[in-house]
Amino acid sequence: MDKILNLLMNKEKIDIKLVEGEKDIYRLRVGKYRMLIKVYKEKQTILVVKIGPRGDIYKK
């Protein structure tokens, strides 16, 4: 789990950004798709919230 968290937090290796207006939800870019993930640092847990095409992922 530590290795995964380190990879996710190392912005030089992958395209990951904090979602605007959120404090613990990140956007991970994978080609034309986006993955929204919630990071629980204290529990060392990552929850995949949503996966989809870039244009649709931010719609609620």
PDB file of N, CA and C in Angstrom:
ATOM      1  N   MET A   1       0.825  -1.186   0.000  1.00  0.00           N
ATOM      2  CA  MET A   1       0.000   0.000   0.000  1.00  0.00           C
ATOM      3  C   MET A   1       0.873   1.255   0.000  1.00  0.00           C
ATOM      4  N   ASP A   2       1.970   1.243   0.744  1.00  0.00           N
ATOM      5  CA  ASP A   2       2.865   2.406   0.768  1.00  0.00           C
ATOM      6  C   ASP A   2       3.401   2.722  -0.623  1.00  0.00           C
ATOM      7  N   LYS A   3       3.737   1.696  -1.380  1.00  0.00           N
ATOM      8  CA  LYS A   3       4.271   1.911  -2.728  1.00  0.00           C
ATOM      9  C   LYS A   3       3.231   2.560  -3.630  1.00  0.00           C
ATOM     10  N   ILE A   4       1.982   2.133  -3.507  1.00  0.00           N
ATOM     11  CA  ILE A   4       0.907   2.710  -4.319  1.00  0.00           C
ATOM     12  C   ILE A   4       0.686   4.168  -3.937  1.00  0.00           C
ATOM     13  N   LEU A   5       0.632   4.450  -2.632  1.00  0.00           N
ATOM     14  CA  LEU A   5       0.441   5.830  -2.182  1.00  0.00           C
ATOM     15  C   LEU A   5       1.594   6.719  -2.627  1.00  0.00           C
ATOM     16  N   ASN A   6       2.815   6.226  -2.536  1.00  0.00           N
ATOM     17  CA  ASN A   6       3.972   7.004  -2.982  1.00  0.00           C
ATOM     18  C   ASN A   6       3.893   7.292  -4.475  1.00  0.00           C
ATOM     19  N   LEU A   7       3.478   6.313  -5.264  1.00  0.00           N
ATOM     20  CA  LEU A   7       3.330   6.512  -6.705  1.00  0.00           C
ATOM     21  C   LEU A   7       2.277   7.574  -6.985  1.00  0.00           C
ATOM     22  N   LEU A   8       1.145   7.484  -6.291  1.00  0.00           N
ATOM     23  CA  LEU A   8       0.063   8.442  -6.513  1.00  0.00           C
ATOM     24  C   LEU A   8       0.452   9.855  -6.100  1.00  0.00           C
ATOM     25  N   MET A   9       1.279   9.983  -5.074  1.00  0.00           N
ATOM     26  CA  MET A   9       1.666  11.303  -4.586  1.00  0.00           C
ATOM     27  C   MET A   9       2.880  11.870  -5.320  1.00  0.00           C
ATOM     28  N   ASN A  10       3.566  11.064  -6.129  1.00  0.00           N
ATOM     29  CA  ASN A  10       4.720  11.538  -6.881  1.00  0.00           C
ATOM     30  C   ASN A  10       4.228  12.095  -8.213  1.00  0.00           C
ATOM     31  N   LYS A  11       3.995  13.386  -8.255  1.00  0.00           N
ATOM     32  CA  LYS A  11       3.392  14.027  -9.423  1.00  0.00           C
ATOM     33  C   LYS A  11       4.305  14.029 -10.637  1.00  0.00           C
ATOM     34  N   GLU A  12       5.578  13.761 -10.452  1.00  0.00           N
ATOM     35  CA  GLU A  12       6.497  13.743 -11.585  1.00  0.00           C
ATOM     36  C   GLU A  12       6.302  12.502 -12.450  1.00  0.00           C
ATOM     37  N   LYS A  13       5.820  11.421 -11.879  1.00  0.00           N
ATOM     38  CA  LYS A  13       5.696  10.158 -12.607  1.00  0.00           C
ATOM     39  C   LYS A  13       4.351  10.001 -13.306  1.00  0.00           C
ATOM     40  N   ILE A  14       3.288  10.501 -12.695  1.00  0.00           N
ATOM     41  CA  ILE A  14       1.956  10.343 -13.276  1.00  0.00           C
ATOM     42  C   ILE A  14       1.222  11.678 -13.238  1.00  0.00           C
ATOM     43  N   ASP A  15       0.183  11.783 -14.055  1.00  0.00           N
ATOM     44  CA  ASP A  15      -0.605  13.012 -14.113  1.00  0.00           C
ATOM     45  C   ASP A  15      -1.758  12.909 -13.128  1.00  0.00           C
ATOM     46  N   ILE A  16      -1.554  13.440 -11.942  1.00  0.00           N
ATOM     47  CA  ILE A  16      -2.577  13.403 -10.900  1.00  0.00           C
ATOM     48  C   ILE A  16      -2.693  14.789 -10.292  1.00  0.00           C
ATOM     49  N   LYS A  17      -3.937  15.221 -10.089  1.00  0.00           N
ATOM     50  CA  LYS A  17      -4.178  16.547  -9.524  1.00  0.00           C
ATOM     51  C   LYS A  17      -5.348  16.480  -8.564  1.00  0.00           C
ATOM     52  N   LEU A  18      -5.312  17.347  -7.587  1.00  0.00           N
ATOM     53  CA  LEU A  18      -6.423  17.493  -6.665  1.00  0.00           C
ATOM     54  C   LEU A  18      -7.593  18.110  -7.424  1.00  0.00           C
ATOM     55  N   VAL A  19      -8.790  17.561  -7.248  1.00  0.00           N
ATOM     56  CA  VAL A  19      -9.981  18.092  -7.913  1.00  0.00           C
ATOM     57  C   VAL A  19     -10.340  19.419  -7.246  1.00  0.00           C
ATOM     58  N   GLU A  20     -10.552  20.440  -8.060  1.00  0.00           N
ATOM     59  CA  GLU A  20     -10.874  21.767  -7.546  1.00  0.00           C
ATOM     60  C   GLU A  20     -12.112  21.715  -6.661  1.00  0.00           C
ATOM     61  N   GLY A  21     -12.022  22.311  -5.490  1.00  0.00           N
ATOM     62  CA  GLY A  21     -13.140  22.346  -4.556  1.00  0.00           C
ATOM     63  C   GLY A  21     -13.232  21.128  -3.655  1.00  0.00           C
ATOM     64  N   GLU A  22     -12.319  20.180  -3.806  1.00  0.00           N
ATOM     65  CA  GLU A  22     -12.300  18.970  -2.978  1.00  0.00           C
ATOM     66  C   GLU A  22     -11.008  18.938  -2.171  1.00  0.00           C
ATOM     67  N   LYS A  23     -11.040  18.306  -0.998  1.00  0.00           N
ATOM     68  CA  LYS A  23      -9.816  18.256  -0.200  1.00  0.00           C
ATOM     69  C   LYS A  23      -9.120  16.903  -0.254  1.00  0.00           C
ATOM     70  N   ASP A  24      -9.812  15.864  -0.665  1.00  0.00           N
ATOM     71  CA  ASP A  24      -9.180  14.541  -0.675  1.00  0.00           C
ATOM     72  C   ASP A  24      -9.570  13.691  -1.882  1.00  0.00           C
ATOM     73  N   ILE A  25     -10.075  14.321  -2.940  1.00  0.00           N
ATOM     74  CA  ILE A  25     -10.403  13.603  -4.172  1.00  0.00           C
ATOM     75  C   ILE A  25      -9.452  14.086  -5.266  1.00  0.00           C
ATOM     76  N   TYR A  26      -8.819  13.122  -5.909  1.00  0.00           N
ATOM     77  CA  TYR A  26      -7.829  13.416  -6.933  1.00  0.00           C
ATOM     78  C   TYR A  26      -8.295  12.905  -8.280  1.00  0.00           C
ATOM     79  N   ARG A  27      -7.806  13.559  -9.339  1.00  0.00           N
ATOM     80  CA  ARG A  27      -8.073  13.148 -10.710  1.00  0.00           C
ATOM     81  C   ARG A  27      -6.793  12.544 -11.269  1.00  0.00           C
ATOM     82  N   LEU A  28      -6.914  11.338 -11.778  1.00  0.00           N
ATOM     83  CA  LEU A  28      -5.785  10.649 -12.394  1.00  0.00           C
ATOM     84  C   LEU A  28      -6.081  10.512 -13.876  1.00  0.00           C
ATOM     85  N   ARG A  29      -5.190  11.008 -14.719  1.00  0.00           N
ATOM     86  CA  ARG A  29      -5.396  10.952 -16.167  1.00  0.00           C
ATOM     87  C   ARG A  29      -4.764   9.690 -16.729  1.00  0.00           C
ATOM     88  N   VAL A  30      -5.580   8.932 -17.476  1.00  0.00           N
ATOM     89  CA  VAL A  30      -5.116   7.714 -18.135  1.00  0.00           C
ATOM     90  C   VAL A  30      -5.593   7.790 -19.584  1.00  0.00           C
ATOM     91  N   GLY A  31      -4.767   8.355 -20.460  1.00  0.00           N
ATOM     92  CA  GLY A  31      -5.165   8.530 -21.855  1.00  0.00           C
ATOM     93  C   GLY A  31      -6.363   9.449 -21.967  1.00  0.00           C
ATOM     94  N   LYS A  32      -7.423   8.979 -22.655  1.00  0.00           N
ATOM     95  CA  LYS A  32      -8.641   9.773 -22.824  1.00  0.00           C
ATOM     96  C   LYS A  32      -9.580   9.642 -21.629  1.00  0.00           C
ATOM     97  N   TYR A  33      -9.217   8.816 -20.682  1.00  0.00           N
ATOM     98  CA  TYR A  33     -10.070   8.565 -19.528  1.00  0.00           C
ATOM     99  C   TYR A  33      -9.542   9.259 -18.285  1.00  0.00           C
ATOM    100  N   ARG A  34     -10.443   9.452 -17.332  1.00  0.00           N
ATOM    101  CA  ARG A  34     -10.083  10.022 -16.045  1.00  0.00           C
ATOM    102  C   ARG A  34     -10.577   9.082 -14.955  1.00  0.00           C
ATOM    103  N   MET A  35      -9.838   9.031 -13.888  1.00  0.00           N
ATOM    104  CA  MET A  35     -10.219   8.243 -12.724  1.00  0.00           C
ATOM    105  C   MET A  35     -10.250   9.202 -11.540  1.00  0.00           C
ATOM    106  N   LEU A  36     -11.361   9.233 -10.832  1.00  0.00           N
ATOM    107  CA  LEU A  36     -11.447  10.020  -9.615  1.00  0.00           C
ATOM    108  C   LEU A  36     -11.223   9.072  -8.451  1.00  0.00           C
ATOM    109  N   ILE A  37     -10.281   9.432  -7.592  1.00  0.00           N
ATOM    110  CA  ILE A  37      -9.965   8.580  -6.451  1.00  0.00           C
ATOM    111  C   ILE A  37     -10.015   9.404  -5.176  1.00  0.00           C
ATOM    112  N   LYS A  38     -10.426   8.769  -4.111  1.00  0.00           N
ATOM    113  CA  LYS A  38     -10.428   9.395  -2.791  1.00  0.00           C
ATOM    114  C   LYS A  38      -9.330   8.727  -1.990  1.00  0.00           C
ATOM    115  N   VAL A  39      -8.470   9.527  -1.376  1.00  0.00           N
ATOM    116  CA  VAL A  39      -7.325   9.006  -0.640  1.00  0.00           C
ATOM    117  C   VAL A  39      -7.582   9.170   0.852  1.00  0.00           C
ATOM    118  N   TYR A  40      -7.527   8.055   1.563  1.00  0.00           N
ATOM    119  CA  TYR A  40      -7.620   8.046   3.019  1.00  0.00           C
ATOM    120  C   TYR A  40      -6.225   7.749   3.549  1.00  0.00           C
ATOM    121  N   LYS A  41      -5.433   8.799   3.763  1.00  0.00           N
ATOM    122  CA  LYS A  41      -4.037   8.615   4.155  1.00  0.00           C
ATOM    123  C   LYS A  41      -3.900   7.895   5.490  1.00  0.00           C
ATOM    124  N   GLU A  42      -4.752   8.239   6.451  1.00  0.00           N
ATOM    125  CA  GLU A  42      -4.644   7.633   7.779  1.00  0.00           C
ATOM    126  C   GLU A  42      -4.935   6.133   7.755  1.00  0.00           C
ATOM    127  N   LYS A  43      -5.781   5.696   6.829  1.00  0.00           N
ATOM    128  CA  LYS A  43      -6.112   4.268   6.700  1.00  0.00           C
ATOM    129  C   LYS A  43      -5.282   3.589   5.623  1.00  0.00           C
ATOM    130  N   GLN A  44      -4.462   4.371   4.920  1.00  0.00           N
ATOM    131  CA  GLN A  44      -3.674   3.876   3.793  1.00  0.00           C
ATOM    132  C   GLN A  44      -4.574   3.157   2.789  1.00  0.00           C
ATOM    133  N   THR A  45      -5.658   3.854   2.426  1.00  0.00           N
ATOM    134  CA  THR A  45      -6.667   3.283   1.533  1.00  0.00           C
ATOM    135  C   THR A  45      -6.954   4.253   0.393  1.00  0.00           C
ATOM    136  N   ILE A  46      -7.170   3.691  -0.772  1.00  0.00           N
ATOM    137  CA  ILE A  46      -7.567   4.468  -1.942  1.00  0.00           C
ATOM    138  C   ILE A  46      -8.888   3.898  -2.443  1.00  0.00           C
ATOM    139  N   LEU A  47      -9.875   4.764  -2.614  1.00  0.00           N
ATOM    140  CA  LEU A  47     -11.186   4.365  -3.109  1.00  0.00           C
ATOM    141  C   LEU A  47     -11.370   4.943  -4.504  1.00  0.00           C
ATOM    142  N   VAL A  48     -11.632   4.086  -5.479  1.00  0.00           N
ATOM    143  CA  VAL A  48     -11.928   4.561  -6.831  1.00  0.00           C
ATOM    144  C   VAL A  48     -13.375   5.033  -6.827  1.00  0.00           C
ATOM    145  N   VAL A  49     -13.569   6.322  -7.054  1.00  0.00           N
ATOM    146  CA  VAL A  49     -14.895   6.928  -7.009  1.00  0.00           C
ATOM    147  C   VAL A  49     -15.606   6.781  -8.343  1.00  0.00           C
ATOM    148  N   LYS A  50     -14.863   7.050  -9.443  1.00  0.00           N
ATOM    149  CA  LYS A  50     -15.492   7.029 -10.763  1.00  0.00           C
ATOM    150  C   LYS A  50     -14.419   6.901 -11.833  1.00  0.00           C
ATOM    151  N   ILE A  51     -14.735   6.195 -12.910  1.00  0.00           N
ATOM    152  CA  ILE A  51     -13.854   6.076 -14.069  1.00  0.00           C
ATOM    153  C   ILE A  51     -14.704   6.353 -15.304  1.00  0.00           C
ATOM    154  N   GLY A  52     -14.189   7.185 -16.208  1.00  0.00           N
ATOM    155  CA  GLY A  52     -14.952   7.462 -17.418  1.00  0.00           C
ATOM    156  C   GLY A  52     -14.221   8.392 -18.354  1.00  0.00           C
ATOM    157  N   PRO A  53     -14.838   8.674 -19.516  1.00  0.00           N
ATOM    158  CA  PRO A  53     -14.244   9.601 -20.478  1.00  0.00           C
ATOM    159  C   PRO A  53     -14.104  10.993 -19.868  1.00  0.00           C
ATOM    160  N   ARG A  54     -13.114  11.707 -20.313  1.00  0.00           N
ATOM    161  CA  ARG A  54     -12.805  13.030 -19.761  1.00  0.00           C
ATOM    162  C   ARG A  54     -14.021  13.950 -19.708  1.00  0.00           C
ATOM    163  N   GLY A  55     -14.811  13.992 -20.752  1.00  0.00           N
ATOM    164  CA  GLY A  55     -15.950  14.900 -20.809  1.00  0.00           C
ATOM    165  C   GLY A  55     -17.075  14.566 -19.854  1.00  0.00           C
ATOM    166  N   ASP A  56     -17.157  13.326 -19.418  1.00  0.00           N
ATOM    167  CA  ASP A  56     -18.274  12.894 -18.575  1.00  0.00           C
ATOM    168  C   ASP A  56     -17.920  12.742 -17.104  1.00  0.00           C
ATOM    169  N   ILE A  57     -16.668  12.644 -16.779  1.00  0.00           N
ATOM    170  CA  ILE A  57     -16.260  12.242 -15.433  1.00  0.00           C
ATOM    171  C   ILE A  57     -16.643  13.254 -14.356  1.00  0.00           C
ATOM    172  N   TYR A  58     -16.711  14.527 -14.694  1.00  0.00           N
ATOM    173  CA  TYR A  58     -16.969  15.546 -13.683  1.00  0.00           C
ATOM    174  C   TYR A  58     -18.448  15.861 -13.509  1.00  0.00           C
ATOM    175  N   LYS A  59     -19.303  15.287 -14.352  1.00  0.00           N
ATOM    176  CA  LYS A  59     -20.747  15.506 -14.222  1.00  0.00           C
ATOM    177  C   LYS A  59     -21.253  14.739 -13.016  1.00  0.00           C
ATOM    178  N   LYS A  60     -22.118  15.387 -12.242  1.00  0.00           N
ATOM    179  CA  LYS A  60     -22.640  14.740 -11.027  1.00  0.00           C
ATOM    180  C   LYS A  60     -23.958  14.081 -11.286  1.00  0.00           C
TER     181      LYS A  60
END
